[in-house]
N, C-alpha and C. Protein backbone atom coordinates (compact mmCIF):
# COMPACT_ATOMS: atom_id res chain seq x y z
N MET A 1 0.82 -1.21 0.00
CA MET A 1 0.00 0.00 0.00
C MET A 1 0.85 1.25 0.00
N LYS A 2 1.88 1.27 0.88
CA LYS A 2 2.77 2.42 0.96
C LYS A 2 3.50 2.63 -0.35
N ARG A 3 3.98 1.54 -0.96
CA ARG A 3 4.70 1.64 -2.23
C ARG A 3 3.78 2.18 -3.32
N ALA A 4 2.51 1.74 -3.31
CA ALA A 4 1.56 2.21 -4.31
C ALA A 4 1.31 3.70 -4.16
N PHE A 5 1.22 4.16 -2.90
CA PHE A 5 1.02 5.59 -2.64
C PHE A 5 2.19 6.40 -3.16
N VAL A 6 3.41 5.94 -2.89
CA VAL A 6 4.61 6.64 -3.34
C VAL A 6 4.64 6.74 -4.86
N CYS A 7 4.29 5.63 -5.53
CA CYS A 7 4.28 5.63 -7.00
C CYS A 7 3.23 6.60 -7.53
N LEU A 8 2.05 6.63 -6.86
CA LEU A 8 0.99 7.55 -7.28
C LEU A 8 1.44 8.99 -7.12
N MET A 9 2.09 9.31 -5.97
CA MET A 9 2.57 10.66 -5.74
C MET A 9 3.58 11.07 -6.79
N ALA A 10 4.50 10.16 -7.13
CA ALA A 10 5.52 10.46 -8.14
C ALA A 10 4.87 10.78 -9.48
N SER A 11 3.81 10.03 -9.83
CA SER A 11 3.11 10.27 -11.08
C SER A 11 2.41 11.61 -11.08
N LEU A 12 1.78 11.96 -9.95
CA LEU A 12 1.09 13.25 -9.84
C LEU A 12 2.05 14.41 -9.94
N ILE A 13 3.23 14.25 -9.28
CA ILE A 13 4.25 15.31 -9.33
C ILE A 13 4.69 15.55 -10.76
N GLY A 14 4.96 14.46 -11.49
CA GLY A 14 5.42 14.59 -12.86
C GLY A 14 4.40 15.29 -13.74
N SER A 15 3.10 14.95 -13.57
CA SER A 15 2.06 15.58 -14.37
C SER A 15 1.91 17.05 -14.05
N ALA A 16 2.03 17.38 -12.77
CA ALA A 16 1.80 18.75 -12.33
C ALA A 16 2.84 19.72 -12.85
N VAL A 17 4.07 19.23 -13.10
CA VAL A 17 5.13 20.15 -13.52
C VAL A 17 5.72 19.80 -14.88
N ALA A 18 5.01 19.04 -15.67
CA ALA A 18 5.53 18.65 -16.98
C ALA A 18 5.80 19.87 -17.86
N ALA A 19 4.88 20.83 -17.80
CA ALA A 19 5.07 22.04 -18.61
C ALA A 19 6.29 22.81 -18.18
N ALA A 20 6.51 22.89 -16.87
CA ALA A 20 7.69 23.62 -16.36
C ALA A 20 8.96 22.93 -16.80
N ALA A 21 8.98 21.62 -16.76
CA ALA A 21 10.18 20.89 -17.17
C ALA A 21 10.46 21.10 -18.65
N ALA A 22 9.40 21.15 -19.46
CA ALA A 22 9.59 21.37 -20.89
C ALA A 22 10.17 22.74 -21.15
N ASP A 23 9.72 23.73 -20.39
CA ASP A 23 10.25 25.09 -20.55
C ASP A 23 11.74 25.13 -20.27
N VAL A 24 12.20 24.33 -19.31
CA VAL A 24 13.61 24.35 -18.94
C VAL A 24 14.49 23.91 -20.10
N SER A 25 14.02 22.93 -20.87
CA SER A 25 14.84 22.39 -21.94
C SER A 25 14.87 23.30 -23.16
N THR A 26 13.94 24.27 -23.24
CA THR A 26 13.88 25.10 -24.45
C THR A 26 14.18 26.56 -24.19
N SER A 27 13.98 27.01 -22.97
CA SER A 27 14.14 28.43 -22.69
C SER A 27 15.59 28.80 -22.45
N GLN A 28 15.95 30.02 -22.85
CA GLN A 28 17.29 30.52 -22.61
C GLN A 28 17.36 31.28 -21.29
N THR A 29 16.19 31.52 -20.66
CA THR A 29 16.16 32.23 -19.39
C THR A 29 16.51 31.27 -18.26
N LYS A 30 17.48 31.62 -17.44
CA LYS A 30 17.95 30.71 -16.40
C LYS A 30 16.96 30.63 -15.24
N LYS A 31 16.54 31.79 -14.70
CA LYS A 31 15.65 31.81 -13.56
C LYS A 31 14.76 33.05 -13.64
N PRO A 32 13.59 33.03 -12.99
CA PRO A 32 12.95 31.86 -12.39
C PRO A 32 12.16 31.05 -13.41
N HIS A 33 11.76 29.83 -13.02
CA HIS A 33 10.99 28.96 -13.90
C HIS A 33 9.51 28.98 -13.58
N GLY A 34 9.13 29.63 -12.49
CA GLY A 34 7.73 29.66 -12.10
C GLY A 34 7.46 30.79 -11.14
N ASP A 35 6.64 30.53 -10.14
CA ASP A 35 6.27 31.54 -9.16
C ASP A 35 7.46 31.94 -8.29
N HIS A 36 7.33 33.12 -7.67
CA HIS A 36 8.35 33.56 -6.72
C HIS A 36 8.34 32.64 -5.51
N TRP A 37 9.54 32.27 -5.04
CA TRP A 37 9.61 31.40 -3.87
C TRP A 37 10.70 31.86 -2.91
N GLU A 38 10.53 31.51 -1.67
CA GLU A 38 11.50 31.76 -0.61
C GLU A 38 11.49 30.58 0.34
N MET A 39 12.66 30.23 0.88
CA MET A 39 12.69 29.21 1.91
C MET A 39 13.96 29.36 2.74
N SER A 40 13.84 29.02 4.02
CA SER A 40 14.97 29.09 4.93
C SER A 40 14.88 27.93 5.91
N GLY A 41 16.04 27.55 6.45
CA GLY A 41 16.06 26.42 7.38
C GLY A 41 17.45 25.87 7.58
N GLN A 42 17.55 24.55 7.69
CA GLN A 42 18.81 23.87 7.98
C GLN A 42 19.22 22.94 6.84
N LEU A 43 20.49 22.99 6.48
CA LEU A 43 21.03 22.10 5.45
C LEU A 43 22.00 21.11 6.07
N SER A 44 21.91 19.86 5.66
CA SER A 44 22.83 18.80 6.09
C SER A 44 23.39 18.12 4.85
N GLU A 45 24.72 17.92 4.82
CA GLU A 45 25.36 17.37 3.62
C GLU A 45 26.58 16.56 3.98
N ALA A 46 26.84 15.54 3.18
CA ALA A 46 28.08 14.76 3.27
C ALA A 46 28.50 14.39 1.86
N CYS A 47 29.83 14.26 1.66
CA CYS A 47 30.32 13.96 0.33
C CYS A 47 31.47 12.95 0.40
N SER A 48 31.98 12.57 -0.75
CA SER A 48 33.01 11.54 -0.84
C SER A 48 34.41 12.05 -0.56
N CYS A 49 34.57 13.35 -0.34
CA CYS A 49 35.90 13.91 -0.11
C CYS A 49 36.37 13.70 1.33
N SER A 50 37.69 13.77 1.51
CA SER A 50 38.25 13.73 2.85
C SER A 50 37.92 15.02 3.59
N VAL A 51 38.15 15.01 4.91
CA VAL A 51 37.92 16.21 5.72
C VAL A 51 39.18 17.08 5.75
N PRO A 52 39.10 18.37 5.44
CA PRO A 52 37.91 19.05 4.91
C PRO A 52 37.82 18.88 3.40
N CYS A 53 36.61 18.94 2.88
CA CYS A 53 36.42 18.81 1.43
C CYS A 53 37.16 19.94 0.72
N THR A 54 38.07 19.57 -0.17
CA THR A 54 38.85 20.59 -0.89
C THR A 54 37.99 21.44 -1.81
N CYS A 55 36.82 20.91 -2.21
CA CYS A 55 35.91 21.69 -3.04
C CYS A 55 35.42 22.92 -2.29
N ASN A 56 35.37 22.82 -0.95
CA ASN A 56 34.93 23.95 -0.14
C ASN A 56 35.94 25.08 -0.13
N PHE A 57 37.10 24.85 -0.74
CA PHE A 57 38.15 25.87 -0.81
C PHE A 57 38.57 26.13 -2.26
N ASN A 58 37.63 25.87 -3.18
CA ASN A 58 37.84 26.12 -4.61
C ASN A 58 38.98 25.29 -5.20
N GLU A 59 39.20 24.11 -4.64
CA GLU A 59 40.19 23.18 -5.18
C GLU A 59 39.47 21.97 -5.77
N LYS A 60 40.21 21.11 -6.48
CA LYS A 60 39.62 19.92 -7.06
C LYS A 60 39.32 18.90 -5.95
N PRO A 61 38.39 17.97 -6.21
CA PRO A 61 38.05 16.95 -5.20
C PRO A 61 39.26 16.15 -4.76
N SER A 62 39.21 15.65 -3.52
CA SER A 62 40.30 14.87 -2.96
C SER A 62 39.75 13.90 -1.91
N PRO A 63 40.19 12.66 -1.89
CA PRO A 63 41.29 12.06 -2.65
C PRO A 63 40.88 11.50 -4.00
N HIS A 64 39.58 11.53 -4.32
CA HIS A 64 39.11 11.01 -5.60
C HIS A 64 39.04 12.15 -6.63
N HIS A 65 38.84 11.79 -7.88
CA HIS A 65 38.71 12.80 -8.91
C HIS A 65 37.27 13.31 -9.01
N TYR A 66 36.38 12.80 -8.17
CA TYR A 66 34.98 13.18 -8.15
C TYR A 66 34.57 13.57 -6.74
N CYS A 67 33.45 14.27 -6.63
CA CYS A 67 32.86 14.61 -5.34
C CYS A 67 31.37 14.25 -5.42
N TRP A 68 31.03 13.09 -4.90
CA TRP A 68 29.64 12.64 -4.88
C TRP A 68 29.03 12.99 -3.54
N SER A 69 27.81 13.44 -3.54
CA SER A 69 27.24 13.96 -2.29
C SER A 69 25.79 13.56 -2.09
N LEU A 70 25.38 13.66 -0.83
CA LEU A 70 24.00 13.46 -0.42
C LEU A 70 23.66 14.59 0.55
N PHE A 71 22.55 15.26 0.33
CA PHE A 71 22.20 16.38 1.21
C PHE A 71 20.68 16.49 1.34
N ALA A 72 20.28 17.28 2.32
CA ALA A 72 18.85 17.58 2.49
C ALA A 72 18.71 18.95 3.14
N VAL A 73 17.56 19.56 2.91
CA VAL A 73 17.23 20.80 3.60
C VAL A 73 15.93 20.60 4.35
N HIS A 74 15.90 21.11 5.57
CA HIS A 74 14.67 21.17 6.35
C HIS A 74 14.14 22.58 6.20
N ILE A 75 13.00 22.71 5.55
CA ILE A 75 12.42 24.02 5.28
C ILE A 75 11.61 24.45 6.50
N GLU A 76 12.22 25.28 7.33
CA GLU A 76 11.52 25.76 8.52
C GLU A 76 10.43 26.75 8.13
N HIS A 77 10.76 27.62 7.19
CA HIS A 77 9.78 28.58 6.66
C HIS A 77 9.98 28.67 5.15
N GLY A 78 8.89 28.59 4.41
CA GLY A 78 9.03 28.69 2.96
C GLY A 78 7.70 28.72 2.25
N HIS A 79 7.73 29.23 1.03
CA HIS A 79 6.53 29.23 0.19
C HIS A 79 6.95 29.27 -1.27
N TYR A 80 6.08 28.75 -2.11
CA TYR A 80 6.22 28.83 -3.56
C TYR A 80 4.91 29.45 -4.05
N GLY A 81 4.97 30.73 -4.44
CA GLY A 81 3.73 31.43 -4.72
C GLY A 81 2.89 31.46 -3.45
N LYS A 82 1.67 30.94 -3.53
CA LYS A 82 0.79 30.88 -2.37
C LYS A 82 0.84 29.54 -1.65
N VAL A 83 1.70 28.64 -2.10
CA VAL A 83 1.81 27.31 -1.50
C VAL A 83 2.81 27.34 -0.34
N THR A 84 2.36 27.01 0.85
CA THR A 84 3.22 27.00 2.03
C THR A 84 4.04 25.72 2.08
N LEU A 85 5.33 25.85 2.44
CA LEU A 85 6.23 24.71 2.48
C LEU A 85 6.81 24.45 3.86
N ASP A 86 6.32 25.15 4.87
CA ASP A 86 6.86 25.03 6.23
C ASP A 86 6.88 23.58 6.71
N GLY A 87 8.04 23.18 7.23
CA GLY A 87 8.17 21.86 7.84
C GLY A 87 8.54 20.73 6.91
N LEU A 88 8.58 20.98 5.62
CA LEU A 88 8.90 19.92 4.66
C LEU A 88 10.40 19.77 4.46
N HIS A 89 10.78 18.63 3.88
CA HIS A 89 12.17 18.35 3.55
C HIS A 89 12.31 18.17 2.04
N LEU A 90 13.50 18.48 1.56
CA LEU A 90 13.87 18.23 0.16
C LEU A 90 15.29 17.69 0.17
N ALA A 91 15.52 16.57 -0.48
CA ALA A 91 16.85 15.96 -0.48
C ALA A 91 17.36 15.81 -1.91
N GLY A 92 18.69 15.72 -2.02
CA GLY A 92 19.31 15.55 -3.33
C GLY A 92 20.53 14.66 -3.24
N ALA A 93 20.78 13.91 -4.28
CA ALA A 93 21.95 13.03 -4.34
C ALA A 93 22.65 13.23 -5.67
N HIS A 94 23.98 13.22 -5.63
CA HIS A 94 24.79 13.36 -6.83
C HIS A 94 25.73 12.18 -6.93
N GLY A 95 25.75 11.53 -8.09
CA GLY A 95 26.61 10.37 -8.29
C GLY A 95 27.02 10.23 -9.74
N LYS A 96 27.70 9.16 -10.04
CA LYS A 96 28.24 8.93 -11.38
C LYS A 96 27.15 8.87 -12.44
N LYS A 97 26.00 8.33 -12.09
CA LYS A 97 24.93 8.13 -13.07
C LYS A 97 23.93 9.28 -13.12
N GLY A 98 24.18 10.33 -12.37
CA GLY A 98 23.29 11.49 -12.44
C GLY A 98 22.85 11.99 -11.09
N ASP A 99 21.93 12.95 -11.13
CA ASP A 99 21.41 13.58 -9.92
C ASP A 99 19.98 13.12 -9.66
N VAL A 100 19.66 12.95 -8.39
CA VAL A 100 18.31 12.53 -8.00
C VAL A 100 17.79 13.48 -6.93
N TRP A 101 16.59 14.00 -7.15
CA TRP A 101 15.91 14.84 -6.16
C TRP A 101 14.84 14.01 -5.48
N TYR A 102 14.75 14.13 -4.15
CA TYR A 102 13.74 13.41 -3.38
C TYR A 102 12.77 14.40 -2.76
N ILE A 103 11.50 14.24 -3.10
CA ILE A 103 10.43 15.07 -2.58
C ILE A 103 9.88 14.42 -1.31
N ASP A 104 9.70 15.22 -0.27
CA ASP A 104 9.14 14.74 0.98
C ASP A 104 7.80 14.05 0.73
N GLN A 105 7.67 12.80 1.17
CA GLN A 105 6.45 12.06 0.92
C GLN A 105 5.24 12.63 1.66
N ARG A 106 5.47 13.50 2.63
CA ARG A 106 4.37 14.12 3.37
C ARG A 106 3.74 15.27 2.60
N ALA A 107 4.39 15.71 1.53
CA ALA A 107 3.91 16.87 0.78
C ALA A 107 2.59 16.55 0.08
N THR A 108 1.71 17.54 0.04
CA THR A 108 0.50 17.42 -0.75
C THR A 108 0.88 17.48 -2.24
N THR A 109 -0.09 17.23 -3.10
CA THR A 109 0.19 17.30 -4.53
C THR A 109 0.69 18.69 -4.93
N GLU A 110 0.08 19.74 -4.37
CA GLU A 110 0.50 21.11 -4.69
C GLU A 110 1.89 21.39 -4.13
N GLN A 111 2.17 20.95 -2.92
CA GLN A 111 3.48 21.17 -2.33
C GLN A 111 4.57 20.40 -3.08
N ALA A 112 4.24 19.17 -3.47
CA ALA A 112 5.21 18.36 -4.21
C ALA A 112 5.56 19.01 -5.54
N ALA A 113 4.55 19.52 -6.23
CA ALA A 113 4.79 20.19 -7.50
C ALA A 113 5.63 21.44 -7.28
N ALA A 114 5.38 22.15 -6.18
CA ALA A 114 6.15 23.36 -5.87
C ALA A 114 7.60 23.02 -5.58
N LEU A 115 7.84 21.97 -4.80
CA LEU A 115 9.21 21.57 -4.49
C LEU A 115 9.97 21.17 -5.74
N ARG A 116 9.30 20.43 -6.62
CA ARG A 116 9.99 20.04 -7.85
C ARG A 116 10.30 21.25 -8.72
N ALA A 117 9.36 22.20 -8.78
CA ALA A 117 9.62 23.42 -9.54
C ALA A 117 10.82 24.17 -8.97
N ILE A 118 10.94 24.18 -7.65
CA ILE A 118 12.08 24.85 -7.01
C ILE A 118 13.39 24.18 -7.40
N THR A 119 13.39 22.85 -7.53
CA THR A 119 14.64 22.17 -7.92
C THR A 119 15.12 22.62 -9.30
N LEU A 120 14.21 23.05 -10.15
CA LEU A 120 14.61 23.53 -11.47
C LEU A 120 15.42 24.81 -11.37
N ASP A 121 15.14 25.60 -10.33
CA ASP A 121 15.94 26.81 -10.08
C ASP A 121 17.23 26.46 -9.35
N LEU A 122 17.16 25.52 -8.41
CA LEU A 122 18.34 25.16 -7.64
C LEU A 122 19.46 24.62 -8.51
N ASP A 123 19.11 23.91 -9.56
CA ASP A 123 20.12 23.34 -10.45
C ASP A 123 19.70 23.57 -11.89
N ASP A 124 19.71 24.82 -12.32
CA ASP A 124 19.21 25.14 -13.65
C ASP A 124 20.21 24.88 -14.76
N SER A 125 21.42 24.46 -14.41
CA SER A 125 22.41 24.16 -15.45
C SER A 125 22.14 22.82 -16.12
N ARG A 126 21.52 21.88 -15.37
CA ARG A 126 21.19 20.54 -15.87
C ARG A 126 22.38 19.89 -16.56
N LYS A 127 23.51 19.85 -15.89
CA LYS A 127 24.72 19.27 -16.47
C LYS A 127 24.69 17.75 -16.47
N HIS A 128 23.86 17.15 -15.66
CA HIS A 128 23.81 15.71 -15.53
C HIS A 128 22.38 15.21 -15.74
N ALA A 129 22.25 13.92 -16.00
CA ALA A 129 20.93 13.31 -16.04
C ALA A 129 20.27 13.55 -14.69
N THR A 130 19.00 13.95 -14.71
CA THR A 130 18.31 14.31 -13.48
C THR A 130 17.01 13.53 -13.34
N TYR A 131 16.77 13.05 -12.12
CA TYR A 131 15.59 12.25 -11.84
C TYR A 131 14.90 12.80 -10.59
N TRP A 132 13.62 12.46 -10.44
CA TRP A 132 12.85 12.85 -9.27
C TRP A 132 12.17 11.64 -8.67
N ASP A 133 12.08 11.61 -7.34
CA ASP A 133 11.43 10.51 -6.65
C ASP A 133 10.77 11.05 -5.39
N VAL A 134 10.00 10.22 -4.73
CA VAL A 134 9.34 10.57 -3.48
C VAL A 134 9.87 9.65 -2.39
N ALA A 135 10.17 10.20 -1.23
CA ALA A 135 10.72 9.37 -0.15
C ALA A 135 10.46 10.00 1.21
N GLU A 136 10.54 9.16 2.22
CA GLU A 136 10.54 9.67 3.58
C GLU A 136 11.95 10.18 3.88
N ILE A 137 12.04 11.41 4.32
CA ILE A 137 13.34 12.06 4.58
C ILE A 137 13.42 12.38 6.07
N ARG A 138 14.40 11.81 6.74
CA ARG A 138 14.60 12.07 8.16
C ARG A 138 15.92 12.81 8.34
N GLN A 139 15.84 14.03 8.82
CA GLN A 139 17.00 14.90 9.01
C GLN A 139 17.04 15.39 10.44
N MET A 140 18.14 15.16 11.13
CA MET A 140 18.30 15.58 12.51
C MET A 140 19.53 16.47 12.63
N VAL A 141 19.35 17.64 13.20
CA VAL A 141 20.45 18.58 13.44
C VAL A 141 20.54 18.82 14.94
N GLY A 142 21.65 18.41 15.54
CA GLY A 142 21.84 18.56 16.97
C GLY A 142 22.96 19.53 17.32
N GLU A 143 23.29 19.59 18.60
CA GLU A 143 24.34 20.50 19.06
C GLU A 143 25.74 20.00 18.71
N LYS A 144 25.91 18.68 18.61
CA LYS A 144 27.22 18.10 18.36
C LYS A 144 27.28 17.21 17.12
N SER A 145 26.14 16.94 16.53
CA SER A 145 26.12 16.02 15.40
C SER A 145 24.89 16.25 14.53
N GLN A 146 24.89 15.62 13.38
CA GLN A 146 23.74 15.67 12.48
C GLN A 146 23.57 14.31 11.82
N GLN A 147 22.37 14.06 11.33
CA GLN A 147 22.07 12.77 10.72
C GLN A 147 21.04 12.95 9.62
N LEU A 148 21.19 12.19 8.55
CA LEU A 148 20.25 12.22 7.44
C LEU A 148 19.98 10.81 6.95
N GLU A 149 18.72 10.53 6.69
CA GLU A 149 18.35 9.25 6.10
C GLU A 149 17.26 9.48 5.06
N VAL A 150 17.51 9.02 3.85
CA VAL A 150 16.51 9.00 2.79
C VAL A 150 16.06 7.55 2.70
N GLU A 151 14.87 7.29 3.17
CA GLU A 151 14.43 5.90 3.34
C GLU A 151 14.55 5.09 2.05
N GLY A 152 15.20 3.93 2.18
CA GLY A 152 15.36 3.04 1.06
C GLY A 152 16.54 3.35 0.17
N HIS A 153 17.28 4.43 0.48
CA HIS A 153 18.39 4.83 -0.38
C HIS A 153 19.70 5.09 0.35
N GLY A 154 19.65 5.40 1.63
CA GLY A 154 20.90 5.59 2.37
C GLY A 154 20.89 6.85 3.21
N GLY A 155 22.08 7.22 3.67
CA GLY A 155 22.20 8.39 4.52
C GLY A 155 23.57 8.47 5.15
N PHE A 156 23.66 9.27 6.22
CA PHE A 156 24.93 9.42 6.93
C PHE A 156 24.66 9.95 8.34
N LYS A 157 25.65 9.78 9.19
CA LYS A 157 25.67 10.38 10.52
C LYS A 157 27.03 11.02 10.69
N ALA A 158 27.04 12.28 11.12
CA ALA A 158 28.30 13.02 11.20
C ALA A 158 28.42 13.75 12.52
N ASN A 159 29.61 13.72 13.10
CA ASN A 159 29.92 14.48 14.30
C ASN A 159 30.62 15.78 13.92
N TYR A 160 30.25 16.86 14.58
CA TYR A 160 30.89 18.13 14.29
C TYR A 160 32.34 18.10 14.74
N ILE A 161 33.19 18.80 14.01
CA ILE A 161 34.60 18.92 14.36
C ILE A 161 34.73 20.06 15.38
N ILE A 162 35.22 19.74 16.56
CA ILE A 162 35.30 20.71 17.65
C ILE A 162 36.63 21.45 17.60
N GLY A 163 36.57 22.75 17.84
CA GLY A 163 37.75 23.60 17.75
C GLY A 163 38.63 23.60 18.99
N MET A 164 39.56 24.55 19.04
CA MET A 164 40.57 24.61 20.09
C MET A 164 39.98 24.73 21.49
N ASP A 165 38.84 25.39 21.63
CA ASP A 165 38.27 25.56 22.97
C ASP A 165 37.65 24.29 23.53
N GLY A 166 37.58 23.26 22.69
CA GLY A 166 37.05 21.97 23.14
C GLY A 166 35.55 21.94 23.30
N GLU A 167 34.86 22.99 22.84
CA GLU A 167 33.42 23.06 23.05
C GLU A 167 32.63 23.39 21.78
N THR A 168 33.11 24.35 21.00
CA THR A 168 32.33 24.82 19.85
C THR A 168 32.89 24.26 18.54
N PRO A 169 32.00 24.01 17.57
CA PRO A 169 32.42 23.43 16.29
C PRO A 169 33.24 24.41 15.45
N VAL A 170 34.07 23.86 14.58
CA VAL A 170 34.79 24.65 13.59
C VAL A 170 33.79 25.14 12.54
N VAL A 171 33.88 26.42 12.19
CA VAL A 171 32.93 27.03 11.27
C VAL A 171 33.66 27.62 10.07
N LEU A 172 33.11 27.39 8.90
CA LEU A 172 33.65 27.95 7.66
C LEU A 172 32.66 28.98 7.13
N GLU A 173 33.10 30.22 7.02
CA GLU A 173 32.25 31.27 6.47
C GLU A 173 32.45 31.38 4.96
N ASN A 174 31.38 31.77 4.27
CA ASN A 174 31.45 32.02 2.84
C ASN A 174 31.93 30.79 2.06
N ASN A 175 31.36 29.64 2.37
CA ASN A 175 31.71 28.37 1.72
C ASN A 175 31.45 28.46 0.21
N PRO A 176 32.45 28.22 -0.64
CA PRO A 176 32.25 28.33 -2.08
C PRO A 176 31.33 27.24 -2.66
N SER A 177 31.14 26.15 -1.92
CA SER A 177 30.37 25.03 -2.44
C SER A 177 28.90 25.03 -2.01
N TRP A 178 28.63 25.57 -0.84
CA TRP A 178 27.27 25.57 -0.30
C TRP A 178 26.93 26.97 0.23
N ASN A 179 25.83 27.52 -0.23
CA ASN A 179 25.40 28.84 0.20
C ASN A 179 24.68 28.70 1.55
N ILE A 180 25.48 28.60 2.62
CA ILE A 180 24.94 28.45 3.97
C ILE A 180 25.63 29.46 4.89
N GLN A 181 24.97 29.78 5.99
CA GLN A 181 25.51 30.73 6.95
C GLN A 181 26.20 29.98 8.08
N HIS A 182 27.39 30.41 8.44
CA HIS A 182 28.13 29.81 9.56
C HIS A 182 28.22 28.28 9.39
N GLY A 183 28.78 27.86 8.28
CA GLY A 183 28.83 26.44 7.94
C GLY A 183 29.69 25.64 8.91
N ILE A 184 29.08 24.71 9.61
CA ILE A 184 29.80 23.85 10.55
C ILE A 184 30.48 22.71 9.79
N LYS A 185 31.75 22.50 10.09
CA LYS A 185 32.48 21.38 9.50
C LYS A 185 32.27 20.14 10.36
N ALA A 186 32.08 19.01 9.70
CA ALA A 186 31.82 17.76 10.40
C ALA A 186 32.48 16.60 9.67
N LYS A 187 32.49 15.45 10.33
CA LYS A 187 33.06 14.23 9.75
C LYS A 187 32.04 13.12 9.84
N ALA A 188 31.66 12.57 8.68
CA ALA A 188 30.69 11.49 8.64
C ALA A 188 31.40 10.15 8.82
N SER A 189 30.96 9.38 9.80
CA SER A 189 31.57 8.07 10.01
C SER A 189 31.33 7.17 8.82
N GLN A 190 30.17 7.32 8.19
CA GLN A 190 29.87 6.54 6.99
C GLN A 190 28.83 7.27 6.15
N LEU A 191 29.07 7.32 4.86
CA LEU A 191 28.12 7.86 3.88
C LEU A 191 27.78 6.72 2.92
N GLU A 192 26.52 6.39 2.84
CA GLU A 192 26.10 5.28 1.97
C GLU A 192 24.87 5.69 1.19
N TYR A 193 24.87 5.35 -0.11
CA TYR A 193 23.74 5.74 -0.96
C TYR A 193 23.63 4.80 -2.16
N HIS A 194 22.39 4.55 -2.58
CA HIS A 194 22.13 3.81 -3.82
C HIS A 194 20.75 4.19 -4.34
N ASP A 195 20.55 4.02 -5.65
CA ASP A 195 19.24 4.28 -6.25
C ASP A 195 19.04 3.37 -7.46
N GLN A 196 17.87 3.46 -8.06
CA GLN A 196 17.52 2.59 -9.20
C GLN A 196 18.12 3.07 -10.50
N HIS A 197 18.84 4.18 -10.48
CA HIS A 197 19.42 4.74 -11.69
C HIS A 197 20.88 4.33 -11.90
N GLY A 198 21.42 3.55 -10.98
CA GLY A 198 22.79 3.05 -11.12
C GLY A 198 23.79 3.68 -10.19
N ASN A 199 23.39 4.70 -9.43
CA ASN A 199 24.30 5.29 -8.44
C ASN A 199 24.41 4.36 -7.23
N LYS A 200 25.62 4.14 -6.80
CA LYS A 200 25.85 3.32 -5.61
C LYS A 200 27.23 3.64 -5.06
N TYR A 201 27.28 4.07 -3.81
CA TYR A 201 28.58 4.35 -3.20
C TYR A 201 28.52 4.22 -1.68
N LYS A 202 29.70 4.02 -1.12
CA LYS A 202 29.84 3.88 0.32
C LYS A 202 31.23 4.38 0.71
N PHE A 203 31.29 5.35 1.62
CA PHE A 203 32.55 5.94 2.05
C PHE A 203 32.56 6.05 3.57
N ASN A 204 33.75 5.93 4.13
CA ASN A 204 33.92 6.05 5.58
C ASN A 204 34.81 7.24 5.92
N GLY A 205 34.49 7.93 7.00
CA GLY A 205 35.31 9.04 7.48
C GLY A 205 35.44 10.17 6.50
N VAL A 206 34.32 10.65 5.96
CA VAL A 206 34.36 11.67 4.92
C VAL A 206 33.79 13.01 5.40
N ASN A 207 33.91 14.01 4.54
CA ASN A 207 33.52 15.37 4.87
C ASN A 207 32.01 15.53 5.02
N SER A 208 31.64 16.48 5.86
CA SER A 208 30.23 16.81 6.05
C SER A 208 30.11 18.29 6.38
N ASN A 209 29.00 18.90 5.98
CA ASN A 209 28.71 20.30 6.27
C ASN A 209 27.31 20.44 6.85
N GLN A 210 27.15 21.45 7.72
CA GLN A 210 25.83 21.76 8.26
C GLN A 210 25.73 23.26 8.42
N GLY A 211 24.57 23.83 8.08
CA GLY A 211 24.42 25.26 8.24
C GLY A 211 23.02 25.74 7.91
N GLN A 212 22.75 26.95 8.29
CA GLN A 212 21.48 27.58 7.98
C GLN A 212 21.52 28.12 6.55
N PHE A 213 20.39 28.04 5.87
CA PHE A 213 20.31 28.59 4.52
C PHE A 213 19.12 29.53 4.43
N VAL A 214 19.26 30.53 3.58
CA VAL A 214 18.18 31.46 3.25
C VAL A 214 18.23 31.66 1.74
N TRP A 215 17.31 31.00 1.02
CA TRP A 215 17.34 31.01 -0.44
C TRP A 215 16.02 31.53 -1.00
N THR A 216 16.13 32.18 -2.15
CA THR A 216 14.95 32.59 -2.90
C THR A 216 15.20 32.31 -4.39
N ASP A 217 14.20 32.57 -5.21
CA ASP A 217 14.40 32.38 -6.65
C ASP A 217 15.35 33.41 -7.24
N GLN A 218 15.74 34.42 -6.43
CA GLN A 218 16.69 35.43 -6.89
C GLN A 218 18.10 35.23 -6.35
N THR A 219 18.32 34.19 -5.57
CA THR A 219 19.67 33.92 -5.05
C THR A 219 20.59 33.56 -6.21
N PRO A 220 21.74 34.24 -6.34
CA PRO A 220 22.62 33.99 -7.48
C PRO A 220 23.13 32.55 -7.56
N ARG A 221 23.55 31.98 -6.41
CA ARG A 221 24.06 30.61 -6.38
C ARG A 221 23.60 29.92 -5.11
N TYR A 222 23.32 28.63 -5.25
CA TYR A 222 22.91 27.83 -4.10
C TYR A 222 24.02 26.87 -3.69
N PHE A 223 24.70 26.31 -4.69
CA PHE A 223 25.82 25.41 -4.47
C PHE A 223 26.65 25.31 -5.74
C-alpha cells in the first residue's frame, strides 16, 4: 500500500510540472521557472571527499577525482507562490549516473509540485541526467552532530569537528560550495547511498557540512 502511494505521488508530481520541465529544456532564461519562492532552514550534507572537502576551498576533489554527495534541507519557513512549504524536507543526491531529487512524501500534490519546480531553479544548469522521486526524509540537526536518512536509499551520521576551545564546532564562512551561513564542518563516520538509476557508493570518514540557509528564486548561487 505504501509503495503504491509513493508511485501515485511520483506520477502526480510529474504531471503537475511537466510544462515547467519542458520550458527548462527550451528556454534561454535561467531563472525563475515559475512563481516567486523563498525558503529558509537547515542544510545537512556529506560527500566523498576527505575532511575538509577541498571543493569547499575552490580546489579539485580529494582524494578522488569526483565529489559525490547526499544532502537535504529542512524548510523551517518557505513558500512557492501561495503554496506554504513550512516543515517539509527536500533531499538531493549526486553520483556517477546522475542527480536525484527526493520530494518529501508528506507533501500534498500542490506542495510536491512546488518543491519540484524549485529544484529547477536550484540546479538550472542541468549538467547531468536528473531524476525525481518521493521518499521519507529524516533529518536531525543537533548541538554536536547531524544525521540524514533518505528511506530506502541511504544516509549518513556526522559528528561536528570541535575547535581549540574543546566546546564549539569549527565554522567555515562564505563556503564556495554551499550557500549556507556559519557552515559547521563535520566528519561522517559513513556515507552510503544507492538508487535505481545506477548510483551506488559507500565511504567512511568523509567530509560533512551543516548550516542555515536562506534562499529565494533570486539567489545567485545555491551550491
